[in-house]
């Protein structure tokens, strides 16, 4: 769904990137007790911009991955701060649901137009 989709615009790319970001944040949470694990996140704005410029959402995300710098260092080298990750996950989940709702509305409008309603 690279570039500007005539039906869904930026929202198709945004939904895919938000989904991939949820996976990344979930991985951070799952590895909160793994020694040496480095928490990762994406620069969502940069990834979305790259996807709109023609990159696939996967390539755009890969290019915008960053490692999270913890507020406090841990002795085992793990950089996951559970509250930070849980907050980012919850915020991203809400934005994912909002984008999905917009797309569902857009599809409903298109279906009504096709039915002649």
PDB file of N, CA and C in Angstrom:
ATOM      1  N   UNK A   1       0.820  -1.185   0.000  1.00  0.00           N
ATOM      2  CA  UNK A   1       0.000   0.000   0.000  1.00  0.00           C
ATOM      3  C   UNK A   1       0.873   1.262   0.000  1.00  0.00           C
ATOM      4  N   UNK A   2       1.995   1.208  -0.697  1.00  0.00           N
ATOM      5  CA  UNK A   2       2.913   2.336  -0.695  1.00  0.00           C
ATOM      6  C   UNK A   2       2.324   3.530  -1.430  1.00  0.00           C
ATOM      7  N   UNK A   3       2.739   4.710  -1.013  1.00  0.00           N
ATOM      8  CA  UNK A   3       2.307   5.931  -1.685  1.00  0.00           C
ATOM      9  C   UNK A   3       0.932   6.382  -1.246  1.00  0.00           C
ATOM     10  N   UNK A   4       0.363   7.271  -2.037  1.00  0.00           N
ATOM     11  CA  UNK A   4      -0.958   7.817  -1.725  1.00  0.00           C
ATOM     12  C   UNK A   4      -2.040   6.990  -2.400  1.00  0.00           C
ATOM     13  N   UNK A   5      -2.759   6.208  -1.642  1.00  0.00           N
ATOM     14  CA  UNK A   5      -3.847   5.391  -2.141  1.00  0.00           C
ATOM     15  C   UNK A   5      -5.036   6.307  -2.415  1.00  0.00           C
ATOM     16  N   UNK A   6      -5.646   6.210  -3.613  1.00  0.00           N
ATOM     17  CA  UNK A   6      -6.759   7.122  -3.927  1.00  0.00           C
ATOM     18  C   UNK A   6      -8.006   6.910  -3.060  1.00  0.00           C
ATOM     19  N   UNK A   7      -8.208   5.717  -2.536  1.00  0.00           N
ATOM     20  CA  UNK A   7      -9.388   5.456  -1.709  1.00  0.00           C
ATOM     21  C   UNK A   7      -9.147   5.700  -0.225  1.00  0.00           C
ATOM     22  N   UNK A   8      -7.986   5.311   0.255  1.00  0.00           N
ATOM     23  CA  UNK A   8      -7.738   5.353   1.690  1.00  0.00           C
ATOM     24  C   UNK A   8      -6.716   6.397   2.113  1.00  0.00           C
ATOM     25  N   UNK A   9      -6.018   6.993   1.170  1.00  0.00           N
ATOM     26  CA  UNK A   9      -5.037   8.014   1.500  1.00  0.00           C
ATOM     27  C   UNK A   9      -3.960   7.477   2.419  1.00  0.00           C
ATOM     28  N   UNK A  10      -3.595   8.261   3.378  1.00  0.00           N
ATOM     29  CA  UNK A  10      -2.523   7.931   4.307  1.00  0.00           C
ATOM     30  C   UNK A  10      -2.942   6.851   5.305  1.00  0.00           C
ATOM     31  N   UNK A  11      -4.218   6.636   5.478  1.00  0.00           N
ATOM     32  CA  UNK A  11      -4.714   5.771   6.540  1.00  0.00           C
ATOM     33  C   UNK A  11      -4.364   4.296   6.369  1.00  0.00           C
ATOM     34  N   UNK A  12      -4.269   3.825   5.140  1.00  0.00           N
ATOM     35  CA  UNK A  12      -3.872   2.426   4.924  1.00  0.00           C
ATOM     36  C   UNK A  12      -2.456   2.175   5.402  1.00  0.00           C
ATOM     37  N   UNK A  13      -1.533   3.073   5.040  1.00  0.00           N
ATOM     38  CA  UNK A  13      -0.152   2.956   5.501  1.00  0.00           C
ATOM     39  C   UNK A  13      -0.073   3.127   7.009  1.00  0.00           C
ATOM     40  N   UNK A  14      -0.818   4.067   7.552  1.00  0.00           N
ATOM     41  CA  UNK A  14      -0.798   4.318   8.992  1.00  0.00           C
ATOM     42  C   UNK A  14      -1.252   3.076   9.760  1.00  0.00           C
ATOM     43  N   UNK A  15      -2.293   2.418   9.271  1.00  0.00           N
ATOM     44  CA  UNK A  15      -2.801   1.224   9.945  1.00  0.00           C
ATOM     45  C   UNK A  15      -1.738   0.120   9.955  1.00  0.00           C
ATOM     46  N   UNK A  16      -1.097  -0.087   8.824  1.00  0.00           N
ATOM     47  CA  UNK A  16      -0.074  -1.134   8.748  1.00  0.00           C
ATOM     48  C   UNK A  16       1.116  -0.811   9.654  1.00  0.00           C
ATOM     49  N   UNK A  17       1.547   0.446   9.651  1.00  0.00           N
ATOM     50  CA  UNK A  17       2.671   0.837  10.511  1.00  0.00           C
ATOM     51  C   UNK A  17       2.300   0.739  11.988  1.00  0.00           C
ATOM     52  N   UNK A  18       1.089   1.123  12.343  1.00  0.00           N
ATOM     53  CA  UNK A  18       0.661   1.016  13.741  1.00  0.00           C
ATOM     54  C   UNK A  18       0.605  -0.450  14.181  1.00  0.00           C
ATOM     55  N   UNK A  19       0.181  -1.324  13.285  1.00  0.00           N
ATOM     56  CA  UNK A  19       0.150  -2.749  13.589  1.00  0.00           C
ATOM     57  C   UNK A  19       1.557  -3.279  13.843  1.00  0.00           C
ATOM     58  N   UNK A  20       2.489  -2.911  12.989  1.00  0.00           N
ATOM     59  CA  UNK A  20       3.875  -3.362  13.157  1.00  0.00           C
ATOM     60  C   UNK A  20       4.493  -2.767  14.424  1.00  0.00           C
ATOM     61  N   UNK A  21       4.119  -1.531  14.744  1.00  0.00           N
ATOM     62  CA  UNK A  21       4.630  -0.908  15.969  1.00  0.00           C
ATOM     63  C   UNK A  21       4.073  -1.627  17.197  1.00  0.00           C
ATOM     64  N   UNK A  22       2.799  -2.038  17.153  1.00  0.00           N
ATOM     65  CA  UNK A  22       2.231  -2.803  18.268  1.00  0.00           C
ATOM     66  C   UNK A  22       3.025  -4.090  18.501  1.00  0.00           C
ATOM     67  N   UNK A  23       3.401  -4.760  17.408  1.00  0.00           N
ATOM     68  CA  UNK A  23       4.205  -5.979  17.523  1.00  0.00           C
ATOM     69  C   UNK A  23       5.544  -5.692  18.194  1.00  0.00           C
ATOM     70  N   UNK A  24       6.190  -4.591  17.781  1.00  0.00           N
ATOM     71  CA  UNK A  24       7.494  -4.237  18.340  1.00  0.00           C
ATOM     72  C   UNK A  24       7.378  -3.909  19.831  1.00  0.00           C
ATOM     73  N   UNK A  25       6.372  -3.134  20.195  1.00  0.00           N
ATOM     74  CA  UNK A  25       6.185  -2.771  21.602  1.00  0.00           C
ATOM     75  C   UNK A  25       5.834  -3.999  22.443  1.00  0.00           C
ATOM     76  N   UNK A  26       5.035  -4.904  21.888  1.00  0.00           N
ATOM     77  CA  UNK A  26       4.697  -6.141  22.591  1.00  0.00           C
ATOM     78  C   UNK A  26       5.951  -6.983  22.821  1.00  0.00           C
ATOM     79  N   UNK A  27       6.843  -6.987  21.848  1.00  0.00           N
ATOM     80  CA  UNK A  27       8.103  -7.713  21.990  1.00  0.00           C
ATOM     81  C   UNK A  27       8.949  -7.107  23.104  1.00  0.00           C
ATOM     82  N   UNK A  28       8.953  -5.779  23.178  1.00  0.00           N
ATOM     83  CA  UNK A  28       9.684  -5.122  24.270  1.00  0.00           C
ATOM     84  C   UNK A  28       9.127  -5.547  25.620  1.00  0.00           C
ATOM     85  N   UNK A  29       7.799  -5.538  25.739  1.00  0.00           N
ATOM     86  CA  UNK A  29       7.156  -5.912  27.002  1.00  0.00           C
ATOM     87  C   UNK A  29       7.458  -7.368  27.345  1.00  0.00           C
ATOM     88  N   UNK A  30       7.393  -8.235  26.347  1.00  0.00           N
ATOM     89  CA  UNK A  30       7.646  -9.659  26.577  1.00  0.00           C
ATOM     90  C   UNK A  30       9.086  -9.927  27.013  1.00  0.00           C
ATOM     91  N   UNK A  31      10.002  -9.048  26.620  1.00  0.00           N
ATOM     92  CA  UNK A  31      11.413  -9.242  26.948  1.00  0.00           C
ATOM     93  C   UNK A  31      11.890  -8.352  28.092  1.00  0.00           C
ATOM     94  N   UNK A  32      10.973  -7.886  28.902  1.00  0.00           N
ATOM     95  CA  UNK A  32      11.331  -6.984  30.002  1.00  0.00           C
ATOM     96  C   UNK A  32      12.323  -7.597  30.985  1.00  0.00           C
ATOM     97  N   UNK A  33      12.347  -8.914  31.086  1.00  0.00           N
ATOM     98  CA  UNK A  33      13.256  -9.578  32.025  1.00  0.00           C
ATOM     99  C   UNK A  33      14.413 -10.294  31.329  1.00  0.00           C
ATOM    100  N   UNK A  34      14.579 -10.067  30.035  1.00  0.00           N
ATOM    101  CA  UNK A  34      15.637 -10.725  29.281  1.00  0.00           C
ATOM    102  C   UNK A  34      16.935  -9.919  29.397  1.00  0.00           C
ATOM    103  N   UNK A  35      17.965 -10.489  30.002  1.00  0.00           N
ATOM    104  CA  UNK A  35      19.231  -9.755  30.142  1.00  0.00           C
ATOM    105  C   UNK A  35      19.785  -9.323  28.777  1.00  0.00           C
ATOM    106  N   UNK A  36      20.196  -8.076  28.683  1.00  0.00           N
ATOM    107  CA  UNK A  36      20.811  -7.562  27.467  1.00  0.00           C
ATOM    108  C   UNK A  36      19.840  -7.149  26.375  1.00  0.00           C
ATOM    109  N   UNK A  37      18.547  -7.336  26.600  1.00  0.00           N
ATOM    110  CA  UNK A  37      17.577  -6.973  25.551  1.00  0.00           C
ATOM    111  C   UNK A  37      17.511  -5.454  25.420  1.00  0.00           C
ATOM    112  N   UNK A  38      17.528  -4.990  24.178  1.00  0.00           N
ATOM    113  CA  UNK A  38      17.472  -3.558  23.890  1.00  0.00           C
ATOM    114  C   UNK A  38      16.076  -3.208  23.360  1.00  0.00           C
ATOM    115  N   UNK A  39      15.375  -2.357  24.092  1.00  0.00           N
ATOM    116  CA  UNK A  39      14.023  -1.935  23.696  1.00  0.00           C
ATOM    117  C   UNK A  39      14.117  -1.116  22.411  1.00  0.00           C
ATOM    118  N   UNK A  40      13.185  -1.404  21.478  1.00  0.00           N
ATOM    119  CA  UNK A  40      13.153  -0.696  20.200  1.00  0.00           C
ATOM    120  C   UNK A  40      11.798  -0.040  20.008  1.00  0.00           C
ATOM    121  N   UNK A  41      11.802   0.981  19.185  1.00  0.00           N
ATOM    122  CA  UNK A  41      10.572   1.666  18.800  1.00  0.00           C
ATOM    123  C   UNK A  41      10.821   2.264  17.427  1.00  0.00           C
ATOM    124  N   UNK A  42       9.786   2.837  16.845  1.00  0.00           N
ATOM    125  CA  UNK A  42       9.977   3.500  15.563  1.00  0.00           C
ATOM    126  C   UNK A  42       9.630   4.973  15.693  1.00  0.00           C
ATOM    127  N   UNK A  43      10.217   5.748  14.826  1.00  0.00           N
ATOM    128  CA  UNK A  43       9.826   7.147  14.670  1.00  0.00           C
ATOM    129  C   UNK A  43       8.646   7.090  13.704  1.00  0.00           C
ATOM    130  N   UNK A  44       7.426   7.106  14.259  1.00  0.00           N
ATOM    131  CA  UNK A  44       6.230   6.882  13.454  1.00  0.00           C
ATOM    132  C   UNK A  44       6.094   7.914  12.334  1.00  0.00           C
ATOM    133  N   UNK A  45       6.337   9.174  12.645  1.00  0.00           N
ATOM    134  CA  UNK A  45       6.223  10.228  11.626  1.00  0.00           C
ATOM    135  C   UNK A  45       7.179  10.002  10.474  1.00  0.00           C
ATOM    136  N   UNK A  46       8.402   9.623  10.780  1.00  0.00           N
ATOM    137  CA  UNK A  46       9.405   9.352   9.743  1.00  0.00           C
ATOM    138  C   UNK A  46       9.001   8.143   8.898  1.00  0.00           C
ATOM    139  N   UNK A  47       8.516   7.095   9.562  1.00  0.00           N
ATOM    140  CA  UNK A  47       8.103   5.887   8.845  1.00  0.00           C
ATOM    141  C   UNK A  47       6.910   6.166   7.938  1.00  0.00           C
ATOM    142  N   UNK A  48       5.939   6.925   8.440  1.00  0.00           N
ATOM    143  CA  UNK A  48       4.753   7.238   7.644  1.00  0.00           C
ATOM    144  C   UNK A  48       5.127   8.103   6.443  1.00  0.00           C
ATOM    145  N   UNK A  49       6.007   9.050   6.656  1.00  0.00           N
ATOM    146  CA  UNK A  49       6.461   9.907   5.569  1.00  0.00           C
ATOM    147  C   UNK A  49       7.164   9.088   4.488  1.00  0.00           C
ATOM    148  N   UNK A  50       8.008   8.150   4.901  1.00  0.00           N
ATOM    149  CA  UNK A  50       8.708   7.287   3.948  1.00  0.00           C
ATOM    150  C   UNK A  50       7.724   6.404   3.185  1.00  0.00           C
ATOM    151  N   UNK A  51       6.716   5.893   3.890  1.00  0.00           N
ATOM    152  CA  UNK A  51       5.703   5.060   3.227  1.00  0.00           C
ATOM    153  C   UNK A  51       4.918   5.881   2.215  1.00  0.00           C
ATOM    154  N   UNK A  52       4.621   7.123   2.543  1.00  0.00           N
ATOM    155  CA  UNK A  52       3.891   8.000   1.617  1.00  0.00           C
ATOM    156  C   UNK A  52       4.747   8.396   0.420  1.00  0.00           C
ATOM    157  N   UNK A  53       6.066   8.366   0.607  1.00  0.00           N
ATOM    158  CA  UNK A  53       6.978   8.706  -0.490  1.00  0.00           C
ATOM    159  C   UNK A  53       7.273   7.524  -1.396  1.00  0.00           C
ATOM    160  N   UNK A  54       6.641   6.360  -1.131  1.00  0.00           N
ATOM    161  CA  UNK A  54       6.773   5.226  -2.040  1.00  0.00           C
ATOM    162  C   UNK A  54       7.411   3.981  -1.452  1.00  0.00           C
ATOM    163  N   UNK A  55       7.990   4.062  -0.264  1.00  0.00           N
ATOM    164  CA  UNK A  55       8.544   2.863   0.367  1.00  0.00           C
ATOM    165  C   UNK A  55       7.401   1.975   0.837  1.00  0.00           C
ATOM    166  N   UNK A  56       7.658   0.696   0.924  1.00  0.00           N
ATOM    167  CA  UNK A  56       6.651  -0.174   1.520  1.00  0.00           C
ATOM    168  C   UNK A  56       6.616   0.132   3.011  1.00  0.00           C
ATOM    169  N   UNK A  57       5.494  -0.077   3.682  1.00  0.00           N
ATOM    170  CA  UNK A  57       5.458   0.170   5.125  1.00  0.00           C
ATOM    171  C   UNK A  57       6.531  -0.605   5.891  1.00  0.00           C
ATOM    172  N   UNK A  58       6.834  -1.827   5.461  1.00  0.00           N
ATOM    173  CA  UNK A  58       7.858  -2.620   6.141  1.00  0.00           C
ATOM    174  C   UNK A  58       9.230  -1.969   5.994  1.00  0.00           C
ATOM    175  N   UNK A  59       9.572  -1.554   4.777  1.00  0.00           N
ATOM    176  CA  UNK A  59      10.862  -0.894   4.550  1.00  0.00           C
ATOM    177  C   UNK A  59      10.923   0.440   5.278  1.00  0.00           C
ATOM    178  N   UNK A  60       9.816   1.162   5.276  1.00  0.00           N
ATOM    179  CA  UNK A  60       9.764   2.452   5.965  1.00  0.00           C
ATOM    180  C   UNK A  60       9.969   2.267   7.466  1.00  0.00           C
ATOM    181  N   UNK A  61       9.368   1.217   8.004  1.00  0.00           N
ATOM    182  CA  UNK A  61       9.514   0.960   9.433  1.00  0.00           C
ATOM    183  C   UNK A  61      10.947   0.554   9.751  1.00  0.00           C
ATOM    184  N   UNK A  62      11.503  -0.337   8.946  1.00  0.00           N
ATOM    185  CA  UNK A  62      12.874  -0.789   9.186  1.00  0.00           C
ATOM    186  C   UNK A  62      13.854   0.380   9.179  1.00  0.00           C
ATOM    187  N   UNK A  63      13.612   1.359   8.316  1.00  0.00           N
ATOM    188  CA  UNK A  63      14.500   2.520   8.211  1.00  0.00           C
ATOM    189  C   UNK A  63      14.340   3.487   9.382  1.00  0.00           C
ATOM    190  N   UNK A  64      13.252   3.378  10.128  1.00  0.00           N
ATOM    191  CA  UNK A  64      13.016   4.339  11.213  1.00  0.00           C
ATOM    192  C   UNK A  64      13.065   3.708  12.607  1.00  0.00           C
ATOM    193  N   UNK A  65      13.605   2.481  12.700  1.00  0.00           N
ATOM    194  CA  UNK A  65      13.737   1.831  14.006  1.00  0.00           C
ATOM    195  C   UNK A  65      14.820   2.539  14.810  1.00  0.00           C
ATOM    196  N   UNK A  66      14.520   2.725  16.066  1.00  0.00           N
ATOM    197  CA  UNK A  66      15.502   3.323  16.971  1.00  0.00           C
ATOM    198  C   UNK A  66      15.496   2.531  18.274  1.00  0.00           C
ATOM    199  N   UNK A  67      16.605   2.577  18.966  1.00  0.00           N
ATOM    200  CA  UNK A  67      16.691   1.928  20.271  1.00  0.00           C
ATOM    201  C   UNK A  67      16.329   2.941  21.336  1.00  0.00           C
ATOM    202  N   UNK A  68      15.525   2.503  22.275  1.00  0.00           N
ATOM    203  CA  UNK A  68      15.071   3.386  23.346  1.00  0.00           C
ATOM    204  C   UNK A  68      16.201   3.577  24.356  1.00  0.00           C
ATOM    205  N   UNK A  69      16.402   4.807  24.759  1.00  0.00           N
ATOM    206  CA  UNK A  69      17.403   5.122  25.790  1.00  0.00           C
ATOM    207  C   UNK A  69      16.662   5.167  27.128  1.00  0.00           C
ATOM    208  N   UNK A  70      17.044   4.274  28.042  1.00  0.00           N
ATOM    209  CA  UNK A  70      16.319   4.204  29.320  1.00  0.00           C
ATOM    210  C   UNK A  70      16.629   5.397  30.222  1.00  0.00           C
ATOM    211  N   UNK A  71      15.674   5.717  31.077  1.00  0.00           N
ATOM    212  CA  UNK A  71      15.883   6.778  32.057  1.00  0.00           C
ATOM    213  C   UNK A  71      16.834   6.305  33.157  1.00  0.00           C
ATOM    214  N   UNK A  72      16.749   5.020  33.474  1.00  0.00           N
ATOM    215  CA  UNK A  72      17.637   4.418  34.470  1.00  0.00           C
ATOM    216  C   UNK A  72      18.285   3.183  33.869  1.00  0.00           C
ATOM    217  N   UNK A  73      19.582   3.028  34.072  1.00  0.00           N
ATOM    218  CA  UNK A  73      20.280   1.867  33.537  1.00  0.00           C
ATOM    219  C   UNK A  73      20.052   0.660  34.443  1.00  0.00           C
ATOM    220  N   UNK A  74      20.066  -0.513  33.834  1.00  0.00           N
ATOM    221  CA  UNK A  74      19.907  -1.736  34.620  1.00  0.00           C
ATOM    222  C   UNK A  74      21.236  -2.482  34.635  1.00  0.00           C
ATOM    223  N   UNK A  75      21.433  -3.283  35.637  1.00  0.00           N
ATOM    224  CA  UNK A  75      22.687  -4.023  35.771  1.00  0.00           C
ATOM    225  C   UNK A  75      22.848  -5.096  34.703  1.00  0.00           C
ATOM    226  N   UNK A  76      21.744  -5.640  34.218  1.00  0.00           N
ATOM    227  CA  UNK A  76      21.830  -6.721  33.234  1.00  0.00           C
ATOM    228  C   UNK A  76      21.855  -6.229  31.787  1.00  0.00           C
ATOM    229  N   UNK A  77      21.835  -4.912  31.569  1.00  0.00           N
ATOM    230  CA  UNK A  77      21.910  -4.363  30.217  1.00  0.00           C
ATOM    231  C   UNK A  77      20.586  -4.280  29.488  1.00  0.00           C
ATOM    232  N   UNK A  78      19.503  -4.668  30.138  1.00  0.00           N
ATOM    233  CA  UNK A  78      18.178  -4.587  29.530  1.00  0.00           C
ATOM    234  C   UNK A  78      17.711  -3.132  29.579  1.00  0.00           C
ATOM    235  N   UNK A  79      17.201  -2.630  28.439  1.00  0.00           N
ATOM    236  CA  UNK A  79      16.769  -1.234  28.388  1.00  0.00           C
ATOM    237  C   UNK A  79      15.251  -1.069  28.418  1.00  0.00           C
ATOM    238  N   UNK A  80      14.520  -2.141  28.672  1.00  0.00           N
ATOM    239  CA  UNK A  80      13.061  -2.067  28.721  1.00  0.00           C
ATOM    240  C   UNK A  80      12.624  -1.453  30.047  1.00  0.00           C
ATOM    241  N   UNK A  81      11.850  -0.389  29.967  1.00  0.00           N
ATOM    242  CA  UNK A  81      11.198   0.182  31.141  1.00  0.00           C
ATOM    243  C   UNK A  81       9.713  -0.094  30.960  1.00  0.00           C
ATOM    244  N   UNK A  82       9.224  -1.008  31.744  1.00  0.00           N
ATOM    245  CA  UNK A  82       7.887  -1.556  31.555  1.00  0.00           C
ATOM    246  C   UNK A  82       6.805  -0.486  31.475  1.00  0.00           C
ATOM    247  N   UNK A  83       6.830   0.506  32.342  1.00  0.00           N
ATOM    248  CA  UNK A  83       5.779   1.527  32.304  1.00  0.00           C
ATOM    249  C   UNK A  83       5.836   2.339  31.015  1.00  0.00           C
ATOM    250  N   UNK A  84       7.027   2.629  30.531  1.00  0.00           N
ATOM    251  CA  UNK A  84       7.183   3.360  29.266  1.00  0.00           C
ATOM    252  C   UNK A  84       6.612   2.546  28.119  1.00  0.00           C
ATOM    253  N   UNK A  85       6.932   1.267  28.082  1.00  0.00           N
ATOM    254  CA  UNK A  85       6.464   0.393  27.005  1.00  0.00           C
ATOM    255  C   UNK A  85       4.953   0.206  27.060  1.00  0.00           C
ATOM    256  N   UNK A  86       4.410   0.015  28.254  1.00  0.00           N
ATOM    257  CA  UNK A  86       2.967  -0.176  28.390  1.00  0.00           C
ATOM    258  C   UNK A  86       2.209   1.085  27.974  1.00  0.00           C
ATOM    259  N   UNK A  87       2.744   2.239  28.320  1.00  0.00           N
ATOM    260  CA  UNK A  87       2.107   3.504  27.923  1.00  0.00           C
ATOM    261  C   UNK A  87       2.144   3.674  26.415  1.00  0.00           C
ATOM    262  N   UNK A  88       3.300   3.420  25.813  1.00  0.00           N
ATOM    263  CA  UNK A  88       3.426   3.536  24.353  1.00  0.00           C
ATOM    264  C   UNK A  88       2.507   2.541  23.651  1.00  0.00           C
ATOM    265  N   UNK A  89       2.406   1.321  24.192  1.00  0.00           N
ATOM    266  CA  UNK A  89       1.533   0.307  23.608  1.00  0.00           C
ATOM    267  C   UNK A  89       0.077   0.763  23.661  1.00  0.00           C
ATOM    268  N   UNK A  90      -0.356   1.258  24.819  1.00  0.00           N
ATOM    269  CA  UNK A  90      -1.747   1.690  24.978  1.00  0.00           C
ATOM    270  C   UNK A  90      -2.070   2.863  24.047  1.00  0.00           C
ATOM    271  N   UNK A  91      -1.181   3.842  23.972  1.00  0.00           N
ATOM    272  CA  UNK A  91      -1.403   4.992  23.085  1.00  0.00           C
ATOM    273  C   UNK A  91      -1.489   4.552  21.630  1.00  0.00           C
ATOM    274  N   UNK A  92      -0.574   3.672  21.228  1.00  0.00           N
ATOM    275  CA  UNK A  92      -0.568   3.201  19.853  1.00  0.00           C
ATOM    276  C   UNK A  92      -1.813   2.367  19.550  1.00  0.00           C
ATOM    277  N   UNK A  93      -2.279   1.581  20.520  1.00  0.00           N
ATOM    278  CA  UNK A  93      -3.487   0.772  20.335  1.00  0.00           C
ATOM    279  C   UNK A  93      -4.706   1.658  20.094  1.00  0.00           C
ATOM    280  N   UNK A  94      -4.799   2.757  20.843  1.00  0.00           N
ATOM    281  CA  UNK A  94      -5.916   3.694  20.655  1.00  0.00           C
ATOM    282  C   UNK A  94      -5.843   4.320  19.264  1.00  0.00           C
ATOM    283  N   UNK A  95      -4.667   4.708  18.847  1.00  0.00           N
ATOM    284  CA  UNK A  95      -4.499   5.315  17.515  1.00  0.00           C
ATOM    285  C   UNK A  95      -4.782   4.296  16.414  1.00  0.00           C
ATOM    286  N   UNK A  96      -4.400   3.035  16.637  1.00  0.00           N
ATOM    287  CA  UNK A  96      -4.700   1.968  15.687  1.00  0.00           C
ATOM    288  C   UNK A  96      -6.209   1.828  15.534  1.00  0.00           C
ATOM    289  N   UNK A  97      -6.916   1.779  16.662  1.00  0.00           N
ATOM    290  CA  UNK A  97      -8.382   1.625  16.634  1.00  0.00           C
ATOM    291  C   UNK A  97      -9.041   2.819  15.942  1.00  0.00           C
ATOM    292  N   UNK A  98      -8.532   4.008  16.182  1.00  0.00           N
ATOM    293  CA  UNK A  98      -9.077   5.205  15.540  1.00  0.00           C
ATOM    294  C   UNK A  98      -8.892   5.146  14.029  1.00  0.00           C
ATOM    295  N   UNK A  99      -7.699   4.763  13.592  1.00  0.00           N
ATOM    296  CA  UNK A  99      -7.429   4.639  12.157  1.00  0.00           C
ATOM    297  C   UNK A  99      -8.303   3.558  11.538  1.00  0.00           C
ATOM    298  N   UNK A 100      -8.445   2.438  12.233  1.00  0.00           N
ATOM    299  CA  UNK A 100      -9.293   1.353  11.746  1.00  0.00           C
ATOM    300  C   UNK A 100     -10.746   1.808  11.624  1.00  0.00           C
ATOM    301  N   UNK A 101     -11.231   2.550  12.598  1.00  0.00           N
ATOM    302  CA  UNK A 101     -12.604   3.062  12.551  1.00  0.00           C
ATOM    303  C   UNK A 101     -12.802   3.987  11.356  1.00  0.00           C
ATOM    304  N   UNK A 102     -11.823   4.829  11.092  1.00  0.00           N
ATOM    305  CA  UNK A 102     -11.908   5.716   9.937  1.00  0.00           C
ATOM    306  C   UNK A 102     -11.995   4.901   8.648  1.00  0.00           C
ATOM    307  N   UNK A 103     -11.142   3.890   8.532  1.00  0.00           N
ATOM    308  CA  UNK A 103     -11.151   3.057   7.325  1.00  0.00           C
ATOM    309  C   UNK A 103     -12.460   2.287   7.182  1.00  0.00           C
ATOM    310  N   UNK A 104     -12.988   1.788   8.284  1.00  0.00           N
ATOM    311  CA  UNK A 104     -14.278   1.092   8.236  1.00  0.00           C
ATOM    312  C   UNK A 104     -15.379   2.029   7.756  1.00  0.00           C
ATOM    313  N   UNK A 105     -15.354   3.270   8.216  1.00  0.00           N
ATOM    314  CA  UNK A 105     -16.325   4.262   7.753  1.00  0.00           C
ATOM    315  C   UNK A 105     -16.171   4.547   6.277  1.00  0.00           C
ATOM    316  N   UNK A 106     -14.938   4.646   5.825  1.00  0.00           N
ATOM    317  CA  UNK A 106     -14.668   4.910   4.412  1.00  0.00           C
ATOM    318  C   UNK A 106     -15.170   3.742   3.550  1.00  0.00           C
ATOM    319  N   UNK A 107     -14.908   2.529   3.983  1.00  0.00           N
ATOM    320  CA  UNK A 107     -15.371   1.348   3.240  1.00  0.00           C
ATOM    321  C   UNK A 107     -16.892   1.298   3.220  1.00  0.00           C
ATOM    322  N   UNK A 108     -17.532   1.613   4.335  1.00  0.00           N
ATOM    323  CA  UNK A 108     -18.985   1.636   4.408  1.00  0.00           C
ATOM    324  C   UNK A 108     -19.564   2.649   3.428  1.00  0.00           C
ATOM    325  N   UNK A 109     -18.932   3.815   3.338  1.00  0.00           N
ATOM    326  CA  UNK A 109     -19.384   4.860   2.406  1.00  0.00           C
ATOM    327  C   UNK A 109     -19.249   4.384   0.968  1.00  0.00           C
ATOM    328  N   UNK A 110     -18.148   3.747   0.652  1.00  0.00           N
ATOM    329  CA  UNK A 110     -17.904   3.236  -0.703  1.00  0.00           C
ATOM    330  C   UNK A 110     -18.928   2.148  -1.033  1.00  0.00           C
ATOM    331  N   UNK A 111     -19.187   1.246  -0.070  1.00  0.00           N
ATOM    332  CA  UNK A 111     -20.161   0.177  -0.299  1.00  0.00           C
ATOM    333  C   UNK A 111     -21.553   0.757  -0.523  1.00  0.00           C
ATOM    334  N   UNK A 112     -21.922   1.777   0.222  1.00  0.00           N
ATOM    335  CA  UNK A 112     -23.234   2.428   0.034  1.00  0.00           C
ATOM    336  C   UNK A 112     -23.325   3.061  -1.347  1.00  0.00           C
ATOM    337  N   UNK A 113     -22.249   3.673  -1.778  1.00  0.00           N
ATOM    338  CA  UNK A 113     -22.232   4.294  -3.110  1.00  0.00           C
ATOM    339  C   UNK A 113     -22.362   3.225  -4.203  1.00  0.00           C
ATOM    340  N   UNK A 114     -21.705   2.100  -4.011  1.00  0.00           N
ATOM    341  CA  UNK A 114     -21.780   1.024  -5.008  1.00  0.00           C
ATOM    342  C   UNK A 114     -23.176   0.406  -5.077  1.00  0.00           C
ATOM    343  N   UNK A 115     -23.864   0.378  -3.945  1.00  0.00           N
ATOM    344  CA  UNK A 115     -25.229  -0.148  -3.892  1.00  0.00           C
ATOM    345  C   UNK A 115     -26.236   0.889  -4.379  1.00  0.00           C
ATOM    346  N   UNK A 116     -25.790   2.131  -4.577  1.00  0.00           N
ATOM    347  CA  UNK A 116     -26.684   3.178  -5.047  1.00  0.00           C
ATOM    348  C   UNK A 116     -27.539   3.781  -3.947  1.00  0.00           C
ATOM    349  N   UNK A 117     -27.081   3.717  -2.736  1.00  0.00           N
ATOM    350  CA  UNK A 117     -27.838   4.251  -1.606  1.00  0.00           C
ATOM    351  C   UNK A 117     -27.553   5.719  -1.403  1.00  0.00           C
TER     352      UNK A 117
END
